[in-house]
Amino acid sequence: MSRTIKIFDTTLRDGEQCPGASLNPEEKLEIARQLAKLNVDVIEAGFAIASQGDFDAIKTIAQTVKGPQICSLARAKKEDIDRAWEAVKYCEKPRIHVFLATSPIHMEKKLNMSPDKVLKTAVEMVKYASSLCPDIEFSPEDAGRSEREFLYKVVAGVIEAGAKTVNIPDTVGYTTPWEFGQLIEDVIKNVQQIKEKNITISVHVHNDLGLAVANSLAAILAGANQMECTINGIGERAGNASLEEIVMAIKTRQDILGCKTNINTKEIYKASRLVSNLTGMLVQPNKAIVGANAFAHEAGIHQHGVLKARETYEIMKPEDIGLTESKIVLGKHSGRHALLKKLEDMGYKLDKDGLEKAYQRFLTIADKKKEISERDLEIIVAEEVYVVAEEFQIESIAIKSGTKTKPEATVVLKHKGKKLKKVVKGAGPVDAVYQSIQQLTKVKASLVDYTIQAITGGTDALGEVIVRIKENERIYVGHGADTDIIIASAKAYLAAINRLIFATGQQ
C-alpha cells in the first residue's frame, strides 16, 4: 500500500512574507476556506506574535475553518509559544510550529548562541510547547547548511521533548536534489527515535536555485512524509516549493514516487486564482500546472496530436486541476487540423477548398499577430471563404461636424444600377453614417462590436475598422480600411450588411 504524504500549506505564513503579498484577516480567511476545500492536511495560518492582525487572522481561522490542522509559527521563546497557543487553541486539531536555527552561520551571525545553547533552548521550548498543545512541530532552521552530527543531536533532543513532526528546511534554497535527498536519508538513518516513535519527517524547501520542487520530491524518495509548500510557489525571495507542482507530480508519477496525497486536485486551479487575485502576485503564463499556457498548444504537430489523442502531448488532464479543457492557441505554428477544429467549434463548416483559402489567409495574419482571436477567424471566413457580391456599394459620403454643429452625414449608395441618397443627423459622424446606411439598405441588424486601430504610423496612418452585426443570433463581420476613418467605418459596416443580405437572401 502506498504512503500518504501530508501537505502542509504555508501560503498564509511564508507565502504572505513575499514582498507585496500582504493579506488582511478577511482575505486570509477566504484563502483558508479554499485550502480546506483543497483538503490540505495542515494550514500554517501565520506567525501569531508578528502582529495583532496576524494573531486575529489565525484565531479566526482556528475558530472557523474545519478539516485541516491549524498551525501557528513560533520562535523558540515562551512569549511566542504562548501567543501561538492563544491563537490556535480554538480549533479541533491545533499545532504549534517551533523553530530555531542550527547552521553555524545562523548560530554565530544571527543568534549569537553556541551550539550547546541552541540544543538546550530547542529542547526546553519544545517541552514547554508540548505542555500546552498536543501537536508540536520543530524546525532546525537552515538545516541544509547545518553540520550533520549536531543536526542529529537536535532532532533527537526535540523528539524526546515531545515533537511529533520534525521539519528539515532548506531555508535558503542552497541544496541540490541529490544532496537534499541524502540529507533526509541520513537524518532518518542516524536518529533512531524517528522510527521508534513514528515521527513525521517534513521538508520545507525554498526556490532560490529553482530546485524547490525537485528537492521536495527527492526528500519523498528518501523517506519524508510531509511536504511544506505554498499555492503558486509564493514566498520569501524566489518563493517556496509549489503545492500544485508537488501534488501533481505525486499523482502523475506514482510509478516512481510510490505515494499519494489527500488533496482534492479539482480545487487546485480555484486556489491558484484566488491566491493570485488576493495577493496581486500574477501567475506567469508558463508556470507549471496553473499557468495560462500549462495546457495550451500552439505548434501544429502538437495540436494535431492532442486533437487525435490527448495523451500524445498531455501527461495530465486539465480537468484534474479544475479546468474544463485544454486550450488550443492559434498562432503561426498552428496547422490545418487545429484551424479546422476551431472553426467547427465556432459553427463554420468548410470544405477542403474553403479550408485551404482560410488557412493561407490565416498564415498571413499569424505572421503579423502573436495570437489569432475568434474575431480574426470570423473576418478570415467572411472575406476568404464566404465571398459575396456587393449588393450595395458606396458612391459618396460627406460629413458636417464641429464643436457647435450636430454631426450630419450625406450618404449615397449604389444599388442595382440606381443611386440612393440619405441625409441623417447622429450623435457623432460614424453614428450618422451608420444610421444613413441602415435606412438605405433597410437592414435592421444590431451593431454588437466596433473596433478601430491604426495599421501604419503617422498622421496619415491607414485606419482599419472591424464591425460585427447581429440578426437572429447570427453574427456577420465587416472589415474596412482607409486613411479616412469615417470612410473605413462605412466600408466595414456596409460589408457586414452585404454579407447578411447574401446569407439570408434579403433584398
Protein backbone atom coordinates (compact mmCIF):
# COMPACT_ATOMS: atom_id res chain seq x y z
CA MET A 1 0.00 0.00 0.00
CA SER A 2 1.42 3.40 -0.98
CA ARG A 3 2.35 6.02 1.61
CA THR A 4 0.19 9.10 2.08
CA ILE A 5 2.22 12.32 2.02
CA LYS A 6 0.84 15.08 4.23
CA ILE A 7 0.54 18.50 2.63
CA PHE A 8 1.42 21.36 4.98
CA ASP A 9 0.35 24.61 3.33
CA THR A 10 2.21 27.74 4.42
CA THR A 11 0.71 30.18 1.89
CA LEU A 12 -0.74 32.26 4.73
CA ARG A 13 2.57 32.40 6.62
CA ASP A 14 5.66 32.03 4.42
CA GLY A 15 3.72 32.86 1.26
CA GLU A 16 2.46 36.11 2.73
CA GLN A 17 6.04 37.11 3.50
CA CYS A 18 6.55 37.58 -0.23
CA PRO A 19 7.10 41.32 -0.85
CA GLY A 20 3.82 42.99 -1.82
CA ALA A 21 1.68 39.98 -0.89
CA SER A 22 0.29 41.20 2.45
CA LEU A 23 -3.21 39.93 3.25
CA ASN A 24 -5.81 41.27 5.66
CA PRO A 25 -7.62 38.88 8.08
CA GLU A 26 -10.70 38.58 5.84
CA GLU A 27 -8.57 37.64 2.84
CA LYS A 28 -6.63 35.12 4.90
CA LEU A 29 -9.89 33.52 6.00
CA GLU A 30 -11.12 33.28 2.42
CA ILE A 31 -7.91 31.55 1.33
CA ALA A 32 -8.04 29.23 4.36
CA ARG A 33 -11.54 28.15 3.39
CA GLN A 34 -10.32 27.32 -0.10
CA LEU A 35 -7.37 25.39 1.37
CA ALA A 36 -9.88 23.35 3.37
CA LYS A 37 -11.76 22.57 0.14
CA LEU A 38 -8.42 21.58 -1.34
CA ASN A 39 -8.14 19.20 1.64
CA VAL A 40 -4.66 20.14 2.79
CA ASP A 41 -3.61 18.36 5.97
CA VAL A 42 -2.19 21.41 7.77
CA ILE A 43 -2.73 25.15 7.31
CA GLU A 44 0.05 27.29 8.75
CA ALA A 45 -2.17 30.31 9.20
CA GLY A 46 0.50 32.79 10.25
CA PHE A 47 3.05 33.92 12.83
CA ALA A 48 0.91 34.85 15.84
CA ILE A 49 3.37 37.13 17.60
CA ALA A 50 4.29 39.04 14.44
CA SER A 51 1.31 41.43 14.67
CA GLN A 52 -2.17 41.81 16.08
CA GLY A 53 -3.56 41.34 12.57
CA ASP A 54 -1.74 38.04 12.15
CA PHE A 55 -2.95 36.86 15.58
CA ASP A 56 -6.55 37.79 14.79
CA ALA A 57 -6.41 36.03 11.42
CA ILE A 58 -5.02 32.81 12.92
CA LYS A 59 -7.59 32.89 15.72
CA THR A 60 -10.48 33.45 13.29
CA ILE A 61 -9.29 30.64 11.03
CA ALA A 62 -8.92 28.32 14.04
CA GLN A 63 -12.47 29.14 15.14
CA THR A 64 -14.00 28.94 11.67
CA VAL A 65 -12.24 26.53 9.32
CA LYS A 66 -12.93 22.83 9.75
CA GLY A 67 -10.92 19.88 8.46
CA PRO A 68 -7.19 20.71 8.36
CA GLN A 69 -4.98 21.20 11.39
CA ILE A 70 -4.45 24.90 12.09
CA CYS A 71 -0.89 25.88 12.93
CA SER A 72 0.99 28.99 14.05
CA LEU A 73 4.71 29.56 13.75
CA ALA A 74 6.68 30.46 16.89
CA ARG A 75 10.30 31.20 17.66
CA ALA A 76 11.87 29.13 20.43
CA LYS A 77 10.70 31.68 23.01
CA LYS A 78 7.98 31.34 25.66
CA GLU A 79 6.22 34.54 24.63
CA ASP A 80 5.99 33.34 21.02
CA ILE A 81 4.69 29.92 22.06
CA ASP A 82 2.11 31.44 24.41
CA ARG A 83 0.85 33.76 21.70
CA ALA A 84 0.69 30.90 19.18
CA TRP A 85 -1.31 28.77 21.60
CA GLU A 86 -3.75 31.61 22.29
CA ALA A 87 -4.41 31.81 18.54
CA VAL A 88 -4.77 28.12 17.64
CA LYS A 89 -6.31 26.60 20.77
CA TYR A 90 -9.85 27.10 19.46
CA CYS A 91 -9.61 24.54 16.66
CA GLU A 92 -10.16 20.79 16.88
CA LYS A 93 -6.61 19.98 15.75
CA PRO A 94 -4.18 22.73 16.83
CA ARG A 95 -0.45 22.70 16.12
CA ILE A 96 2.44 24.92 17.16
CA HIS A 97 5.48 25.08 14.87
CA VAL A 98 8.63 26.00 16.82
CA PHE A 99 11.85 26.88 15.02
CA LEU A 100 15.46 27.65 15.89
CA ALA A 101 18.44 27.93 13.57
CA THR A 102 21.14 25.23 13.67
CA SER A 103 23.62 26.19 10.94
CA PRO A 104 27.00 27.64 12.03
CA ILE A 105 26.43 30.89 10.12
CA HIS A 106 23.00 31.45 11.70
CA MET A 107 24.07 30.48 15.22
CA GLU A 108 27.09 32.77 15.08
CA LYS A 109 25.94 35.73 12.99
CA LYS A 110 22.21 35.92 13.82
CA LEU A 111 21.62 34.24 17.18
CA ASN A 112 24.97 34.80 18.90
CA MET A 113 24.42 31.42 20.53
CA SER A 114 26.72 28.44 20.98
CA PRO A 115 25.64 25.03 19.64
CA ASP A 116 25.12 23.78 23.21
CA LYS A 117 22.87 26.74 23.98
CA VAL A 118 20.87 26.15 20.78
CA LEU A 119 20.37 22.47 21.64
CA LYS A 120 19.30 23.27 25.22
CA THR A 121 16.89 26.02 24.11
CA ALA A 122 15.32 23.88 21.41
CA VAL A 123 14.64 21.03 23.82
CA GLU A 124 13.28 23.30 26.57
CA MET A 125 10.97 25.22 24.27
CA VAL A 126 9.58 22.10 22.59
CA LYS A 127 8.93 20.63 26.05
CA TYR A 128 7.16 23.85 27.07
CA ALA A 129 5.08 23.95 23.87
CA SER A 130 4.12 20.30 24.40
CA SER A 131 2.71 21.20 27.80
CA LEU A 132 0.22 23.49 26.08
CA CYS A 133 -0.54 21.93 22.70
CA PRO A 134 -0.92 18.23 21.82
CA ASP A 135 0.86 18.54 18.45
CA ILE A 136 4.26 20.19 18.16
CA GLU A 137 6.43 20.53 15.08
CA PHE A 138 10.05 21.63 15.27
CA SER A 139 12.27 23.08 12.54
CA PRO A 140 16.06 23.37 12.76
CA GLU A 141 16.26 26.46 10.56
CA ASP A 142 18.86 26.31 7.76
CA ALA A 143 19.24 22.55 8.22
CA GLY A 144 20.58 22.36 4.67
CA ARG A 145 23.77 24.13 5.83
CA SER A 146 23.95 22.60 9.31
CA GLU A 147 26.65 20.19 10.49
CA ARG A 148 25.25 16.66 10.38
CA GLU A 149 26.24 15.37 13.81
CA PHE A 150 24.87 18.48 15.51
CA LEU A 151 21.68 18.29 13.47
CA TYR A 152 21.17 14.67 14.57
CA LYS A 153 21.52 15.71 18.24
CA VAL A 154 18.96 18.49 17.87
CA VAL A 155 16.45 16.27 16.07
CA ALA A 156 16.82 13.51 18.68
CA GLY A 157 16.51 16.04 21.51
CA VAL A 158 13.30 17.68 20.31
CA ILE A 159 11.68 14.30 19.65
CA GLU A 160 12.41 13.25 23.24
CA ALA A 161 10.97 16.61 24.35
CA GLY A 162 7.66 15.91 22.60
CA ALA A 163 7.88 16.95 18.95
CA LYS A 164 5.73 14.71 16.73
CA THR A 165 6.88 16.26 13.46
CA VAL A 166 10.42 17.34 12.65
CA ASN A 167 10.83 19.59 9.64
CA ILE A 168 14.15 19.68 7.79
CA PRO A 169 14.21 23.02 5.94
CA ASP A 170 16.46 24.18 3.16
CA THR A 171 15.80 27.74 4.29
CA VAL A 172 17.94 29.46 1.67
CA GLY A 173 17.38 27.08 -1.27
CA TYR A 174 21.05 26.09 -1.29
CA THR A 175 20.99 22.32 -1.74
CA THR A 176 20.62 20.21 -4.88
CA PRO A 177 18.22 17.24 -5.11
CA TRP A 178 20.89 14.57 -4.62
CA GLU A 179 22.34 16.43 -1.62
CA PHE A 180 18.96 17.10 -0.03
CA GLY A 181 17.72 13.55 -0.58
CA GLN A 182 20.89 12.27 1.07
CA LEU A 183 20.39 14.66 3.99
CA ILE A 184 16.89 13.33 4.67
CA GLU A 185 18.08 9.75 4.32
CA ASP A 186 20.96 10.40 6.76
CA VAL A 187 18.70 12.06 9.35
CA ILE A 188 16.28 9.13 9.30
CA LYS A 189 19.13 6.62 9.46
CA ASN A 190 21.05 8.32 12.28
CA VAL A 191 18.24 9.40 14.60
CA GLN A 192 16.77 6.19 15.97
CA GLN A 193 13.87 7.98 17.70
CA ILE A 194 12.30 8.74 14.30
CA LYS A 195 11.36 5.11 13.67
CA GLU A 196 10.86 4.22 17.32
CA LYS A 197 8.30 6.97 17.88
CA ASN A 198 6.87 7.01 14.33
CA ILE A 199 7.88 10.65 13.82
CA THR A 200 6.78 12.51 10.73
CA ILE A 201 9.73 13.91 8.79
CA SER A 202 8.78 17.06 6.92
CA VAL A 203 10.66 19.27 4.45
CA HIS A 204 10.38 22.98 3.70
CA VAL A 205 12.37 23.97 0.64
CA HIS A 206 12.98 27.40 -0.86
CA ASN A 207 13.40 28.03 -4.56
CA ASP A 208 16.47 30.27 -4.79
CA LEU A 209 18.12 27.96 -7.34
CA GLY A 210 14.83 26.85 -8.89
CA LEU A 211 15.11 23.43 -7.22
CA ALA A 212 12.42 23.57 -4.52
CA VAL A 213 10.06 21.04 -6.06
CA ALA A 214 12.88 18.77 -7.23
CA ASN A 215 14.38 18.80 -3.73
CA SER A 216 10.97 18.06 -2.21
CA LEU A 217 10.46 15.05 -4.47
CA ALA A 218 13.97 13.82 -3.68
CA ALA A 219 13.02 14.05 0.01
CA ILE A 220 9.94 11.89 -0.59
CA LEU A 221 12.10 9.19 -2.16
CA ALA A 222 14.40 9.43 0.85
CA GLY A 223 11.54 8.86 3.31
CA ALA A 224 9.99 12.26 4.13
CA ASN A 225 6.25 12.11 4.86
CA GLN A 226 5.20 15.78 4.87
CA MET A 227 5.71 18.49 2.26
CA GLU A 228 5.61 22.16 3.24
CA CYS A 229 4.63 24.28 0.26
CA THR A 230 2.57 27.24 -0.97
CA ILE A 231 -0.04 27.92 -3.64
CA ASN A 232 1.70 29.19 -6.80
CA GLY A 233 5.04 28.74 -5.01
CA ILE A 234 4.89 32.25 -3.49
CA GLY A 235 7.11 33.11 -0.55
CA GLU A 236 10.32 34.75 0.61
CA ARG A 237 12.77 35.76 -2.15
CA ALA A 238 12.33 33.29 -5.04
CA GLY A 239 9.47 31.56 -3.22
CA ASN A 240 8.71 28.12 -1.84
CA ALA A 241 8.06 24.72 -3.30
CA SER A 242 4.82 24.94 -5.27
CA LEU A 243 1.94 22.91 -3.82
CA GLU A 244 0.33 22.25 -7.19
CA GLU A 245 3.59 21.02 -8.71
CA ILE A 246 4.38 18.65 -5.84
CA VAL A 247 0.85 17.27 -5.70
CA MET A 248 0.51 16.72 -9.44
CA ALA A 249 3.98 15.19 -9.66
CA ILE A 250 2.95 12.69 -6.97
CA LYS A 251 -0.33 11.99 -8.76
CA THR A 252 1.22 11.70 -12.22
CA ARG A 253 4.35 9.73 -11.26
CA GLN A 254 3.10 7.22 -8.74
CA ASP A 255 5.17 4.65 -10.61
CA ILE A 256 8.34 6.39 -9.40
CA LEU A 257 7.30 8.09 -6.16
CA GLY A 258 5.02 5.33 -4.87
CA CYS A 259 2.84 7.59 -2.75
CA LYS A 260 -0.30 9.72 -2.76
CA THR A 261 -1.82 12.78 -1.09
CA ASN A 262 -5.26 13.62 0.30
CA ILE A 263 -5.54 16.68 -1.95
CA ASN A 264 -8.72 17.27 -3.94
CA THR A 265 -6.87 18.25 -7.11
CA LYS A 266 -10.00 19.62 -8.78
CA GLU A 267 -9.73 22.59 -6.41
CA ILE A 268 -6.14 23.45 -7.42
CA TYR A 269 -6.94 25.96 -10.16
CA LYS A 270 -9.50 27.79 -8.00
CA ALA A 271 -6.95 28.04 -5.19
CA SER A 272 -4.33 29.37 -7.59
CA ARG A 273 -6.62 32.06 -8.99
CA LEU A 274 -7.84 33.08 -5.52
CA VAL A 275 -4.31 33.49 -4.14
CA SER A 276 -3.20 35.35 -7.26
CA ASN A 277 -6.16 37.73 -7.10
CA LEU A 278 -5.91 38.49 -3.38
CA THR A 279 -2.13 38.85 -3.20
CA GLY A 280 -1.75 40.61 -6.55
CA MET A 281 1.02 38.12 -7.41
CA LEU A 282 0.42 37.23 -11.06
CA VAL A 283 1.00 33.67 -12.24
CA GLN A 284 3.49 33.54 -15.09
CA PRO A 285 1.93 32.11 -18.30
CA ASN A 286 4.39 29.20 -18.50
CA LYS A 287 4.02 28.27 -14.82
CA ALA A 288 3.65 24.50 -14.47
CA ILE A 289 0.14 23.17 -13.73
CA VAL A 290 -1.70 26.50 -13.27
CA GLY A 291 -0.09 28.87 -15.80
CA ALA A 292 -2.22 30.12 -18.70
CA ASN A 293 -0.13 28.05 -21.13
CA ALA A 294 0.12 24.90 -18.99
CA PHE A 295 -2.49 23.10 -21.10
CA ALA A 296 -2.14 25.26 -24.23
CA HIS A 297 -0.77 24.02 -27.54
CA GLU A 298 0.31 26.18 -30.47
CA ALA A 299 2.70 24.04 -32.51
CA GLY A 300 0.80 22.38 -35.35
CA ILE A 301 2.23 18.93 -34.70
CA HIS A 302 1.29 19.17 -31.01
CA GLN A 303 -2.22 20.43 -31.80
CA HIS A 304 -2.81 17.64 -34.29
CA GLY A 305 -1.64 15.10 -31.74
CA VAL A 306 -3.78 16.45 -28.90
CA LEU A 307 -6.86 16.59 -31.10
CA LYS A 308 -6.30 12.96 -32.11
CA ALA A 309 -5.37 11.69 -28.63
CA ARG A 310 -4.85 13.92 -25.61
CA GLU A 311 -2.13 11.77 -24.09
CA THR A 312 0.22 12.40 -27.05
CA TYR A 313 1.26 15.74 -25.56
CA GLU A 314 -0.54 15.99 -22.21
CA ILE A 315 0.61 13.95 -19.23
CA MET A 316 -2.25 15.27 -17.07
CA LYS A 317 -5.88 16.03 -17.72
CA PRO A 318 -6.82 19.71 -17.34
CA GLU A 319 -9.99 18.51 -15.61
CA ASP A 320 -7.82 17.09 -12.82
CA ILE A 321 -6.96 20.59 -11.57
CA GLY A 322 -10.41 22.05 -12.17
CA LEU A 323 -10.07 23.28 -15.74
CA THR A 324 -12.68 22.30 -18.31
CA GLU A 325 -10.47 21.65 -21.32
CA SER A 326 -7.10 22.19 -22.94
CA LYS A 327 -6.62 25.45 -24.79
CA ILE A 328 -5.74 25.44 -28.46
CA VAL A 329 -3.85 28.68 -29.15
CA LEU A 330 -3.85 29.60 -32.79
CA GLY A 331 -0.61 31.18 -33.96
CA LYS A 332 1.87 30.92 -36.81
CA HIS A 333 2.91 27.41 -35.77
CA SER A 334 -0.63 26.03 -35.90
CA GLY A 335 -1.71 23.57 -38.55
CA ARG A 336 -4.81 22.99 -40.63
CA HIS A 337 -6.28 20.46 -38.20
CA ALA A 338 -6.28 22.94 -35.32
CA LEU A 339 -7.74 25.69 -37.53
CA LEU A 340 -10.47 23.39 -38.85
CA LYS A 341 -11.37 22.25 -35.30
CA LYS A 342 -11.59 25.83 -34.06
CA LEU A 343 -13.74 26.94 -37.00
CA GLU A 344 -16.04 23.95 -36.48
CA ASP A 345 -16.36 24.89 -32.78
CA MET A 346 -17.39 28.37 -33.95
CA GLY A 347 -20.09 26.88 -36.17
CA TYR A 348 -18.38 27.07 -39.58
CA LYS A 349 -18.33 24.03 -41.84
CA LEU A 350 -15.68 24.36 -44.53
CA ASP A 351 -14.93 22.09 -47.45
CA LYS A 352 -11.34 21.31 -48.44
CA ASP A 353 -11.07 24.30 -50.78
CA GLY A 354 -12.59 26.67 -48.22
CA LEU A 355 -10.24 25.43 -45.51
CA GLU A 356 -7.21 25.98 -47.74
CA LYS A 357 -8.26 29.56 -48.53
CA ALA A 358 -8.87 30.26 -44.87
CA TYR A 359 -5.56 28.65 -43.87
CA GLN A 360 -3.48 30.70 -46.31
CA ARG A 361 -5.06 33.94 -45.09
CA PHE A 362 -4.63 32.70 -41.52
CA LEU A 363 -0.88 32.25 -42.08
CA THR A 364 -0.57 35.78 -43.46
CA ILE A 365 -2.24 37.26 -40.39
CA ALA A 366 -0.37 34.95 -38.00
CA ASP A 367 2.95 36.32 -39.24
CA LYS A 368 1.84 39.74 -38.01
CA LYS A 369 -0.01 38.78 -34.82
CA LYS A 370 1.22 36.56 -32.00
CA GLU A 371 -2.18 35.03 -31.34
CA ILE A 372 -5.23 34.78 -33.57
CA SER A 373 -8.57 35.56 -31.95
CA GLU A 374 -12.06 34.36 -32.82
CA ARG A 375 -12.75 37.79 -34.29
CA ASP A 376 -9.80 37.37 -36.64
CA LEU A 377 -11.17 34.00 -37.72
CA GLU A 378 -14.62 35.46 -38.36
CA ILE A 379 -13.04 38.01 -40.70
CA ILE A 380 -10.97 35.36 -42.45
CA VAL A 381 -14.03 33.23 -43.11
CA ALA A 382 -16.08 36.22 -44.18
CA GLU A 383 -13.51 37.61 -46.59
CA GLU A 384 -11.85 34.47 -47.92
CA VAL A 385 -14.47 31.73 -47.77
CA TYR A 386 -17.87 33.35 -47.81
CA VAL A 387 -17.05 35.84 -50.56
CA VAL A 388 -20.20 37.71 -51.52
CA ALA A 389 -21.29 40.08 -54.25
CA GLU A 390 -21.69 43.67 -53.08
CA GLU A 391 -25.45 44.24 -53.04
CA PHE A 392 -24.79 47.85 -52.03
CA GLN A 393 -21.75 49.95 -52.87
CA ILE A 394 -20.56 53.30 -51.54
CA GLU A 395 -20.85 56.09 -54.10
CA SER A 396 -20.02 59.03 -51.85
CA ILE A 397 -20.03 60.17 -48.24
CA ALA A 398 -19.99 63.76 -46.94
CA ILE A 399 -19.84 64.78 -43.30
CA LYS A 400 -20.71 68.00 -41.50
CA SER A 401 -19.35 68.14 -37.96
CA GLY A 402 -17.89 70.60 -35.46
CA THR A 403 -17.92 71.80 -31.87
CA LYS A 404 -21.20 73.66 -32.29
CA THR A 405 -22.73 71.54 -35.04
CA LYS A 406 -24.70 68.32 -34.68
CA PRO A 407 -22.96 65.77 -36.92
CA GLU A 408 -24.70 65.14 -40.22
CA ALA A 409 -23.92 62.53 -42.87
CA THR A 410 -24.91 62.57 -46.52
CA VAL A 411 -24.54 59.04 -47.86
CA VAL A 412 -25.05 57.93 -51.46
CA LEU A 413 -25.15 54.17 -52.18
CA LYS A 414 -25.42 52.33 -55.49
CA HIS A 415 -27.93 49.50 -55.63
CA LYS A 416 -28.83 47.58 -58.81
CA GLY A 417 -27.71 50.45 -61.02
CA LYS A 418 -29.53 53.11 -59.03
CA LYS A 419 -28.19 55.76 -56.66
CA LEU A 420 -29.83 56.04 -53.27
CA LYS A 421 -29.26 59.09 -51.06
CA LYS A 422 -29.93 59.79 -47.39
CA VAL A 423 -29.11 62.69 -45.07
CA VAL A 424 -29.18 61.88 -41.35
CA LYS A 425 -28.03 63.61 -38.18
CA GLY A 426 -26.44 61.49 -35.47
CA ALA A 427 -24.69 61.51 -32.10
CA GLY A 428 -21.37 61.55 -33.95
CA PRO A 429 -20.16 61.32 -37.56
CA VAL A 430 -19.91 57.49 -37.52
CA ASP A 431 -23.34 57.18 -35.92
CA ALA A 432 -24.82 59.49 -38.61
CA VAL A 433 -23.20 57.42 -41.39
CA TYR A 434 -24.43 54.14 -39.89
CA GLN A 435 -27.98 55.41 -39.49
CA SER A 436 -27.93 56.54 -43.13
CA ILE A 437 -26.70 53.15 -44.36
CA GLN A 438 -29.24 51.30 -42.23
CA GLN A 439 -32.12 53.36 -43.60
CA LEU A 440 -30.93 52.99 -47.21
CA THR A 441 -30.42 49.21 -47.00
CA LYS A 442 -33.47 48.62 -44.75
CA VAL A 443 -31.41 46.08 -42.78
CA LYS A 444 -32.13 46.36 -39.07
CA ALA A 445 -29.34 44.27 -37.56
CA SER A 446 -27.90 45.42 -34.26
CA LEU A 447 -24.30 46.59 -34.01
CA VAL A 448 -22.55 44.44 -31.38
CA ASP A 449 -18.93 45.44 -31.84
CA TYR A 450 -16.94 48.26 -33.41
CA THR A 451 -13.15 48.09 -33.37
CA ILE A 452 -10.72 50.61 -34.80
CA GLN A 453 -6.92 50.53 -35.00
CA ALA A 454 -4.12 52.14 -36.95
CA ILE A 455 -2.37 49.78 -39.37
CA THR A 456 0.53 52.15 -40.02
CA GLY A 457 2.12 55.01 -38.08
CA GLY A 458 1.98 58.76 -38.53
CA THR A 459 -0.83 61.24 -39.02
CA ASP A 460 -1.59 59.72 -42.42
CA ALA A 461 -1.96 56.23 -40.92
CA LEU A 462 -4.19 53.71 -42.61
CA GLY A 463 -7.07 53.01 -40.25
CA GLU A 464 -8.67 49.58 -40.02
CA VAL A 465 -12.22 49.12 -38.78
CA ILE A 466 -13.94 45.85 -37.93
CA VAL A 467 -17.63 45.67 -37.13
CA ARG A 468 -19.83 42.81 -36.06
CA ILE A 469 -23.57 42.99 -36.52
CA LYS A 470 -26.18 40.57 -35.27
CA GLU A 471 -29.51 39.37 -36.62
CA ASN A 472 -31.44 36.38 -35.27
CA GLU A 473 -28.49 35.30 -33.09
CA ARG A 474 -26.12 35.12 -36.09
CA ILE A 475 -23.02 37.32 -36.32
CA TYR A 476 -21.88 38.95 -39.55
CA VAL A 477 -18.50 40.62 -39.83
CA GLY A 478 -17.34 43.52 -41.95
CA HIS A 479 -13.88 44.94 -42.50
CA GLY A 480 -12.82 48.26 -43.95
CA ALA A 481 -9.58 50.23 -44.28
CA ASP A 482 -8.93 53.81 -45.36
CA THR A 483 -6.84 56.83 -44.37
CA ASP A 484 -10.20 58.50 -43.59
CA ILE A 485 -11.55 56.67 -40.56
CA ILE A 486 -15.14 57.67 -41.37
CA ILE A 487 -14.85 56.04 -44.79
CA ALA A 488 -13.19 52.95 -43.24
CA SER A 489 -16.08 52.72 -40.78
CA ALA A 490 -18.65 52.97 -43.58
CA LYS A 491 -16.88 50.29 -45.63
CA ALA A 492 -16.81 47.90 -42.68
CA TYR A 493 -20.46 48.40 -41.79
CA LEU A 494 -21.66 48.03 -45.35
CA ALA A 495 -19.52 44.93 -45.86
CA ALA A 496 -21.21 43.30 -42.87
CA ILE A 497 -24.65 44.21 -44.20
CA ASN A 498 -23.81 42.80 -47.65
CA ARG A 499 -22.81 39.51 -46.01
CA LEU A 500 -26.02 39.41 -44.03
CA ILE A 501 -28.06 40.00 -47.20
CA PHE A 502 -26.13 37.28 -49.03
CA ALA A 503 -26.56 34.77 -46.20
CA THR A 504 -30.26 35.44 -45.57
CA GLY A 505 -31.45 36.10 -49.11
CA GLN A 506 -32.85 39.51 -48.24
CA GLN A 507 -33.48 42.19 -50.90
